[in-house]
Amino acid sequence: MADFLTDYMLPLMLFAVVSALLLGVYAMMRGGEFARSNSNLLMRWRVGLQFGAVVLILIIAFLRGQVSY
């Protein structure tokens, strides 16, 4: 299970975070009506995706036994 998460889900999650970040930066650089309607939404998506990526990393670490409780 940890191998599937590491090999497939983690790169997919990181790609989603970077994509949301770049789209948000693009929206801010473009300015105008596009920025007003999209930049805040894209940055909120980025924060949510980053939270998901951190949770996924913690799950992988737990499944591999690197974190003990």
N, C-alpha and C. Protein backbone atom coordinates (compact mmCIF):
# COMPACT_ATOMS: atom_id res chain seq x y z
N MET A 1 0.82 -1.20 0.00
CA MET A 1 0.00 0.00 0.00
C MET A 1 0.86 1.26 0.00
N ALA A 2 1.92 1.25 0.80
CA ALA A 2 2.79 2.42 0.87
C ALA A 2 3.49 2.66 -0.46
N ASP A 3 3.83 1.56 -1.16
CA ASP A 3 4.48 1.72 -2.47
C ASP A 3 3.54 2.37 -3.47
N PHE A 4 2.27 1.99 -3.46
CA PHE A 4 1.29 2.61 -4.37
C PHE A 4 1.17 4.10 -4.07
N LEU A 5 1.08 4.44 -2.78
CA LEU A 5 0.96 5.85 -2.40
C LEU A 5 2.19 6.63 -2.80
N THR A 6 3.38 6.04 -2.59
CA THR A 6 4.62 6.73 -2.92
C THR A 6 4.82 6.85 -4.42
N ASP A 7 4.52 5.79 -5.15
CA ASP A 7 4.81 5.76 -6.58
C ASP A 7 3.79 6.51 -7.42
N TYR A 8 2.54 6.54 -6.99
CA TYR A 8 1.49 7.11 -7.85
C TYR A 8 0.78 8.31 -7.23
N MET A 9 0.34 8.17 -5.99
CA MET A 9 -0.48 9.22 -5.39
C MET A 9 0.33 10.46 -5.01
N LEU A 10 1.53 10.27 -4.47
CA LEU A 10 2.34 11.41 -4.07
C LEU A 10 2.75 12.28 -5.25
N PRO A 11 3.27 11.72 -6.35
CA PRO A 11 3.57 12.58 -7.50
C PRO A 11 2.33 13.26 -8.07
N LEU A 12 1.21 12.57 -8.07
CA LEU A 12 -0.03 13.18 -8.56
C LEU A 12 -0.46 14.35 -7.67
N MET A 13 -0.36 14.17 -6.36
CA MET A 13 -0.72 15.23 -5.43
C MET A 13 0.24 16.42 -5.57
N LEU A 14 1.52 16.15 -5.70
CA LEU A 14 2.49 17.23 -5.85
C LEU A 14 2.28 17.98 -7.16
N PHE A 15 1.94 17.27 -8.22
CA PHE A 15 1.63 17.92 -9.50
C PHE A 15 0.40 18.82 -9.36
N ALA A 16 -0.60 18.37 -8.63
CA ALA A 16 -1.81 19.17 -8.43
C ALA A 16 -1.50 20.43 -7.64
N VAL A 17 -0.64 20.33 -6.62
CA VAL A 17 -0.27 21.49 -5.81
C VAL A 17 0.48 22.51 -6.66
N VAL A 18 1.45 22.04 -7.43
CA VAL A 18 2.24 22.95 -8.27
C VAL A 18 1.35 23.58 -9.34
N SER A 19 0.45 22.81 -9.91
CA SER A 19 -0.46 23.35 -10.93
C SER A 19 -1.34 24.45 -10.35
N ALA A 20 -1.90 24.22 -9.18
CA ALA A 20 -2.75 25.23 -8.55
C ALA A 20 -1.94 26.48 -8.21
N LEU A 21 -0.71 26.29 -7.76
CA LEU A 21 0.15 27.43 -7.44
C LEU A 21 0.44 28.25 -8.69
N LEU A 22 0.84 27.58 -9.77
CA LEU A 22 1.17 28.30 -11.00
C LEU A 22 -0.04 28.99 -11.60
N LEU A 23 -1.19 28.33 -11.56
CA LEU A 23 -2.40 28.98 -12.07
C LEU A 23 -2.78 30.20 -11.22
N GLY A 24 -2.61 30.11 -9.91
CA GLY A 24 -2.89 31.24 -9.04
C GLY A 24 -1.95 32.41 -9.28
N VAL A 25 -0.67 32.11 -9.47
CA VAL A 25 0.30 33.16 -9.77
C VAL A 25 -0.01 33.79 -11.12
N TYR A 26 -0.36 32.97 -12.10
CA TYR A 26 -0.74 33.49 -13.41
C TYR A 26 -1.96 34.40 -13.31
N ALA A 27 -2.93 34.00 -12.53
CA ALA A 27 -4.13 34.82 -12.37
C ALA A 27 -3.79 36.16 -11.75
N MET A 28 -2.88 36.17 -10.76
CA MET A 28 -2.49 37.43 -10.13
C MET A 28 -1.70 38.31 -11.09
N MET A 29 -0.84 37.69 -11.90
CA MET A 29 -0.04 38.47 -12.85
C MET A 29 -0.91 39.04 -13.97
N ARG A 30 -1.90 38.32 -14.38
CA ARG A 30 -2.76 38.77 -15.47
C ARG A 30 -3.58 39.98 -15.07
N GLY A 31 -4.06 39.98 -13.85
CA GLY A 31 -4.81 41.12 -13.33
C GLY A 31 -6.20 41.22 -13.94
N GLY A 32 -6.86 42.32 -13.67
CA GLY A 32 -8.18 42.58 -14.23
C GLY A 32 -9.26 41.71 -13.62
N GLU A 33 -10.31 41.52 -14.39
CA GLU A 33 -11.47 40.75 -13.93
C GLU A 33 -11.11 39.28 -13.69
N PHE A 34 -10.23 38.74 -14.51
CA PHE A 34 -9.81 37.34 -14.34
C PHE A 34 -9.17 37.15 -12.97
N ALA A 35 -8.31 38.05 -12.56
CA ALA A 35 -7.64 37.93 -11.26
C ALA A 35 -8.64 38.07 -10.12
N ARG A 36 -9.56 39.02 -10.24
CA ARG A 36 -10.54 39.22 -9.17
C ARG A 36 -11.41 38.00 -8.95
N SER A 37 -11.74 37.32 -10.03
CA SER A 37 -12.67 36.20 -9.89
C SER A 37 -11.98 34.86 -9.65
N ASN A 38 -10.69 34.75 -9.97
CA ASN A 38 -10.05 33.43 -9.90
C ASN A 38 -8.86 33.29 -8.96
N SER A 39 -8.10 34.35 -8.72
CA SER A 39 -6.85 34.18 -7.97
C SER A 39 -7.09 33.71 -6.54
N ASN A 40 -8.08 34.26 -5.85
CA ASN A 40 -8.36 33.85 -4.48
C ASN A 40 -8.84 32.40 -4.43
N LEU A 41 -9.69 32.04 -5.36
CA LEU A 41 -10.18 30.66 -5.41
C LEU A 41 -9.04 29.67 -5.66
N LEU A 42 -8.16 30.01 -6.58
CA LEU A 42 -7.04 29.11 -6.89
C LEU A 42 -6.08 28.99 -5.71
N MET A 43 -5.87 30.06 -4.98
CA MET A 43 -4.99 29.98 -3.81
C MET A 43 -5.64 29.15 -2.69
N ARG A 44 -6.96 29.22 -2.57
CA ARG A 44 -7.64 28.36 -1.59
C ARG A 44 -7.50 26.89 -1.98
N TRP A 45 -7.62 26.61 -3.27
CA TRP A 45 -7.42 25.24 -3.75
C TRP A 45 -6.00 24.78 -3.44
N ARG A 46 -5.02 25.67 -3.62
CA ARG A 46 -3.62 25.31 -3.35
C ARG A 46 -3.44 24.94 -1.89
N VAL A 47 -4.02 25.72 -0.99
CA VAL A 47 -3.89 25.43 0.45
C VAL A 47 -4.51 24.08 0.77
N GLY A 48 -5.68 23.80 0.22
CA GLY A 48 -6.32 22.50 0.46
C GLY A 48 -5.51 21.35 -0.09
N LEU A 49 -4.95 21.53 -1.28
CA LEU A 49 -4.13 20.48 -1.87
C LEU A 49 -2.83 20.28 -1.08
N GLN A 50 -2.26 21.36 -0.58
CA GLN A 50 -1.06 21.22 0.24
C GLN A 50 -1.38 20.45 1.53
N PHE A 51 -2.52 20.73 2.13
CA PHE A 51 -2.93 19.98 3.32
C PHE A 51 -3.05 18.50 2.99
N GLY A 52 -3.68 18.18 1.85
CA GLY A 52 -3.80 16.79 1.43
C GLY A 52 -2.45 16.13 1.19
N ALA A 53 -1.51 16.88 0.62
CA ALA A 53 -0.17 16.33 0.37
C ALA A 53 0.55 16.04 1.68
N VAL A 54 0.42 16.92 2.66
CA VAL A 54 1.07 16.69 3.96
C VAL A 54 0.46 15.48 4.65
N VAL A 55 -0.85 15.36 4.61
CA VAL A 55 -1.51 14.20 5.20
C VAL A 55 -1.05 12.92 4.50
N LEU A 56 -0.95 12.95 3.19
CA LEU A 56 -0.49 11.78 2.44
C LEU A 56 0.94 11.41 2.83
N ILE A 57 1.81 12.40 2.98
CA ILE A 57 3.19 12.12 3.39
C ILE A 57 3.21 11.50 4.78
N LEU A 58 2.38 11.99 5.69
CA LEU A 58 2.32 11.40 7.04
C LEU A 58 1.81 9.97 7.01
N ILE A 59 0.82 9.69 6.16
CA ILE A 59 0.31 8.33 6.03
C ILE A 59 1.38 7.40 5.49
N ILE A 60 2.12 7.85 4.48
CA ILE A 60 3.20 7.04 3.91
C ILE A 60 4.25 6.76 4.97
N ALA A 61 4.64 7.79 5.73
CA ALA A 61 5.65 7.59 6.77
C ALA A 61 5.16 6.61 7.83
N PHE A 62 3.90 6.71 8.20
CA PHE A 62 3.34 5.80 9.19
C PHE A 62 3.32 4.36 8.67
N LEU A 63 2.90 4.17 7.40
CA LEU A 63 2.83 2.83 6.85
C LEU A 63 4.21 2.21 6.66
N ARG A 64 5.20 3.01 6.42
CA ARG A 64 6.56 2.48 6.27
C ARG A 64 7.25 2.28 7.60
N GLY A 65 6.63 2.71 8.68
CA GLY A 65 7.20 2.48 10.01
C GLY A 65 8.23 3.51 10.44
N GLN A 66 8.29 4.65 9.75
CA GLN A 66 9.26 5.68 10.11
C GLN A 66 8.75 6.55 11.25
N VAL A 67 7.46 6.50 11.49
CA VAL A 67 6.87 7.25 12.60
C VAL A 67 6.26 6.24 13.55
N SER A 68 6.65 6.29 14.80
CA SER A 68 6.07 5.34 15.76
C SER A 68 5.33 6.13 16.83
N TYR A 69 4.24 5.53 17.28
CA TYR A 69 3.42 6.15 18.32
C TYR A 69 3.35 5.26 19.52
